[in-house]
Amino acid sequence: MKTTIEISDPLLRQARKVAAREGVTLRTLVERGLSRVVGENKKPHSFKLRRATFKGKGLQAEFRDASWETISEAAYEGRGG
């Protein structure tokens, strides 16, 4: 498919130099760049949870055998949760 795009003169000059240096056409160079950008948008962004630990001896005695619901209620007690 043919299309027309406007590229700044300095960027076009640099692109032509890169294409010549790599021995490819300007079209190939533009297609490579577009493929990279489009490909990056398809990749799922990974999220890495940071390690957040603290020194302690585990749960307080009153919560050692408690259900998650009991622990959650205690954590949000008085906070409108």
N, C-alpha and C. Protein backbone atom coordinates (compact mmCIF):
# COMPACT_ATOMS: atom_id res chain seq x y z
N MET A 1 0.85 -1.17 0.00
CA MET A 1 0.00 0.00 0.00
C MET A 1 0.89 1.23 0.00
N LYS A 2 0.50 2.22 -0.74
CA LYS A 2 1.26 3.47 -0.76
C LYS A 2 0.58 4.47 0.15
N THR A 3 1.41 5.27 0.81
CA THR A 3 0.90 6.34 1.65
C THR A 3 1.92 7.47 1.67
N THR A 4 1.48 8.61 2.08
CA THR A 4 2.37 9.76 2.16
C THR A 4 2.46 10.20 3.61
N ILE A 5 3.69 10.39 4.08
CA ILE A 5 3.89 10.89 5.43
C ILE A 5 4.85 12.07 5.37
N GLU A 6 4.71 12.95 6.33
CA GLU A 6 5.63 14.08 6.42
C GLU A 6 6.64 13.78 7.52
N ILE A 7 7.90 13.90 7.17
CA ILE A 7 9.00 13.67 8.10
C ILE A 7 9.89 14.90 8.06
N SER A 8 10.34 15.33 9.22
CA SER A 8 11.20 16.51 9.24
C SER A 8 12.46 16.24 8.43
N ASP A 9 12.98 17.29 7.81
CA ASP A 9 14.17 17.14 6.97
C ASP A 9 15.36 16.54 7.73
N PRO A 10 15.67 17.03 8.93
CA PRO A 10 16.82 16.45 9.64
C PRO A 10 16.64 14.95 9.93
N LEU A 11 15.43 14.54 10.32
CA LEU A 11 15.18 13.14 10.61
C LEU A 11 15.27 12.29 9.34
N LEU A 12 14.76 12.81 8.25
CA LEU A 12 14.83 12.09 6.98
C LEU A 12 16.28 11.91 6.53
N ARG A 13 17.10 12.95 6.70
CA ARG A 13 18.51 12.83 6.34
C ARG A 13 19.19 11.75 7.17
N GLN A 14 18.91 11.74 8.48
CA GLN A 14 19.50 10.72 9.35
C GLN A 14 19.03 9.33 8.95
N ALA A 15 17.74 9.21 8.65
CA ALA A 15 17.18 7.90 8.27
C ALA A 15 17.82 7.40 6.98
N ARG A 16 18.02 8.28 6.04
CA ARG A 16 18.66 7.87 4.78
C ARG A 16 20.09 7.39 5.01
N LYS A 17 20.80 8.07 5.91
CA LYS A 17 22.17 7.65 6.24
C LYS A 17 22.19 6.27 6.88
N VAL A 18 21.25 6.04 7.79
CA VAL A 18 21.17 4.73 8.46
C VAL A 18 20.83 3.65 7.43
N ALA A 19 19.88 3.94 6.58
CA ALA A 19 19.48 2.96 5.55
C ALA A 19 20.67 2.63 4.64
N ALA A 20 21.41 3.65 4.23
CA ALA A 20 22.57 3.43 3.36
C ALA A 20 23.63 2.61 4.08
N ARG A 21 23.87 2.95 5.34
CA ARG A 21 24.88 2.25 6.12
C ARG A 21 24.51 0.76 6.29
N GLU A 22 23.21 0.49 6.45
CA GLU A 22 22.75 -0.89 6.64
C GLU A 22 22.48 -1.60 5.32
N GLY A 23 22.56 -0.85 4.22
CA GLY A 23 22.34 -1.44 2.91
C GLY A 23 20.89 -1.84 2.65
N VAL A 24 19.98 -1.05 3.20
CA VAL A 24 18.55 -1.32 2.99
C VAL A 24 17.89 -0.07 2.42
N THR A 25 16.67 -0.23 1.96
CA THR A 25 15.94 0.93 1.45
C THR A 25 15.34 1.72 2.60
N LEU A 26 14.99 2.94 2.32
CA LEU A 26 14.32 3.77 3.32
C LEU A 26 12.99 3.12 3.71
N ARG A 27 12.32 2.54 2.73
CA ARG A 27 11.06 1.85 3.01
C ARG A 27 11.26 0.74 4.04
N THR A 28 12.30 -0.06 3.86
CA THR A 28 12.59 -1.15 4.79
C THR A 28 12.86 -0.62 6.19
N LEU A 29 13.62 0.46 6.25
CA LEU A 29 13.94 1.06 7.54
C LEU A 29 12.67 1.56 8.25
N VAL A 30 11.80 2.22 7.51
CA VAL A 30 10.55 2.73 8.08
C VAL A 30 9.68 1.57 8.53
N GLU A 31 9.59 0.51 7.73
CA GLU A 31 8.77 -0.65 8.09
C GLU A 31 9.30 -1.33 9.35
N ARG A 32 10.63 -1.41 9.47
CA ARG A 32 11.22 -1.99 10.69
C ARG A 32 10.82 -1.18 11.92
N GLY A 33 10.95 0.13 11.79
CA GLY A 33 10.62 0.99 12.92
C GLY A 33 9.15 0.89 13.32
N LEU A 34 8.28 0.89 12.32
CA LEU A 34 6.85 0.77 12.61
C LEU A 34 6.53 -0.59 13.22
N SER A 35 7.18 -1.64 12.72
CA SER A 35 6.95 -2.98 13.27
C SER A 35 7.34 -3.05 14.74
N ARG A 36 8.45 -2.41 15.08
CA ARG A 36 8.88 -2.40 16.49
C ARG A 36 7.86 -1.70 17.37
N VAL A 37 7.42 -0.53 16.93
CA VAL A 37 6.46 0.24 17.74
C VAL A 37 5.15 -0.53 17.89
N VAL A 38 4.66 -1.08 16.80
CA VAL A 38 3.41 -1.84 16.86
C VAL A 38 3.60 -3.08 17.72
N GLY A 39 4.72 -3.76 17.60
CA GLY A 39 5.00 -4.95 18.39
C GLY A 39 5.11 -4.67 19.87
N GLU A 40 5.69 -3.53 20.24
CA GLU A 40 5.81 -3.17 21.65
C GLU A 40 4.45 -2.96 22.28
N ASN A 41 3.52 -2.45 21.52
CA ASN A 41 2.18 -2.20 22.06
C ASN A 41 1.39 -3.48 22.26
N LYS A 42 1.82 -4.58 21.64
CA LYS A 42 1.12 -5.84 21.79
C LYS A 42 1.61 -6.63 23.00
N LYS A 43 2.82 -6.36 23.43
CA LYS A 43 3.39 -7.09 24.55
C LYS A 43 2.69 -6.67 25.84
N PRO A 44 2.33 -7.63 26.66
CA PRO A 44 1.72 -7.27 27.94
C PRO A 44 2.78 -6.62 28.83
N HIS A 45 2.38 -5.62 29.52
CA HIS A 45 3.29 -4.96 30.44
C HIS A 45 3.40 -5.81 31.69
N SER A 46 4.61 -6.10 32.07
CA SER A 46 4.78 -6.93 33.25
C SER A 46 4.83 -6.05 34.49
N PHE A 47 4.32 -6.58 35.54
CA PHE A 47 4.32 -5.88 36.81
C PHE A 47 5.07 -6.75 37.80
N LYS A 48 6.04 -6.17 38.45
CA LYS A 48 6.80 -6.92 39.43
C LYS A 48 6.58 -6.28 40.79
N LEU A 49 6.02 -7.06 41.69
CA LEU A 49 5.77 -6.58 43.03
C LEU A 49 7.09 -6.53 43.79
N ARG A 50 7.37 -5.40 44.35
CA ARG A 50 8.64 -5.28 45.08
C ARG A 50 8.55 -6.08 46.37
N ARG A 51 9.70 -6.54 46.82
CA ARG A 51 9.76 -7.30 48.06
C ARG A 51 9.56 -6.33 49.21
N ALA A 52 8.55 -6.56 49.99
CA ALA A 52 8.24 -5.67 51.11
C ALA A 52 8.07 -6.52 52.36
N THR A 53 9.16 -6.77 53.03
CA THR A 53 9.11 -7.56 54.24
C THR A 53 9.54 -6.70 55.42
N PHE A 54 9.28 -7.19 56.57
CA PHE A 54 9.71 -6.50 57.76
C PHE A 54 10.11 -7.54 58.80
N LYS A 55 10.89 -7.11 59.74
CA LYS A 55 11.32 -8.04 60.79
C LYS A 55 10.17 -8.25 61.75
N GLY A 56 9.98 -9.44 62.13
CA GLY A 56 8.92 -9.75 63.08
C GLY A 56 8.85 -11.23 63.32
N LYS A 57 7.88 -11.62 64.10
CA LYS A 57 7.74 -13.03 64.44
C LYS A 57 6.41 -13.58 63.98
N GLY A 58 5.90 -13.06 62.88
CA GLY A 58 4.64 -13.55 62.34
C GLY A 58 3.44 -12.87 62.97
N LEU A 59 2.31 -13.52 62.84
CA LEU A 59 1.07 -12.95 63.36
C LEU A 59 1.07 -12.93 64.89
N GLN A 60 0.35 -11.99 65.43
CA GLN A 60 0.17 -11.96 66.87
C GLN A 60 -0.61 -13.19 67.28
N ALA A 61 -0.43 -13.61 68.50
CA ALA A 61 -1.03 -14.85 68.98
C ALA A 61 -2.53 -14.91 68.72
N GLU A 62 -3.23 -13.81 68.90
CA GLU A 62 -4.70 -13.82 68.72
C GLU A 62 -5.14 -14.06 67.28
N PHE A 63 -4.23 -13.91 66.33
CA PHE A 63 -4.59 -14.09 64.91
C PHE A 63 -3.96 -15.33 64.27
N ARG A 64 -3.19 -16.09 65.00
CA ARG A 64 -2.47 -17.23 64.42
C ARG A 64 -3.40 -18.27 63.78
N ASP A 65 -4.52 -18.53 64.40
CA ASP A 65 -5.45 -19.53 63.86
C ASP A 65 -6.72 -18.89 63.31
N ALA A 66 -6.69 -17.58 63.13
CA ALA A 66 -7.89 -16.86 62.67
C ALA A 66 -8.06 -16.98 61.17
N SER A 67 -9.29 -16.81 60.72
CA SER A 67 -9.58 -16.82 59.28
C SER A 67 -9.15 -15.49 58.68
N TRP A 68 -9.05 -15.47 57.35
CA TRP A 68 -8.69 -14.23 56.67
C TRP A 68 -9.73 -13.15 56.95
N GLU A 69 -10.98 -13.54 57.01
CA GLU A 69 -12.06 -12.58 57.28
C GLU A 69 -11.85 -11.89 58.62
N THR A 70 -11.48 -12.64 59.64
CA THR A 70 -11.23 -12.07 60.97
C THR A 70 -10.04 -11.12 60.93
N ILE A 71 -8.98 -11.52 60.26
CA ILE A 71 -7.79 -10.67 60.15
C ILE A 71 -8.12 -9.40 59.38
N SER A 72 -8.85 -9.54 58.29
CA SER A 72 -9.23 -8.39 57.47
C SER A 72 -10.10 -7.41 58.24
N GLU A 73 -11.07 -7.94 58.98
CA GLU A 73 -11.94 -7.07 59.78
C GLU A 73 -11.14 -6.29 60.81
N ALA A 74 -10.18 -6.95 61.45
CA ALA A 74 -9.34 -6.29 62.44
C ALA A 74 -8.47 -5.21 61.80
N ALA A 75 -7.97 -5.50 60.63
CA ALA A 75 -7.09 -4.55 59.94
C ALA A 75 -7.83 -3.27 59.55
N TYR A 76 -9.10 -3.42 59.19
CA TYR A 76 -9.87 -2.26 58.71
C TYR A 76 -10.81 -1.69 59.77
N GLU A 77 -10.72 -2.22 60.98
CA GLU A 77 -11.59 -1.75 62.06
C GLU A 77 -11.38 -0.25 62.30
N GLY A 78 -12.45 0.48 62.31
CA GLY A 78 -12.38 1.92 62.55
C GLY A 78 -11.96 2.73 61.34
N ARG A 79 -11.85 2.10 60.17
CA ARG A 79 -11.42 2.79 58.95
C ARG A 79 -12.51 2.82 57.90
N GLY A 80 -13.70 2.46 58.29
CA GLY A 80 -14.82 2.51 57.36
C GLY A 80 -14.85 1.36 56.38
N GLY A 81 -14.04 0.35 56.60
CA GLY A 81 -13.97 -0.77 55.65
C GLY A 81 -14.78 -1.93 56.00
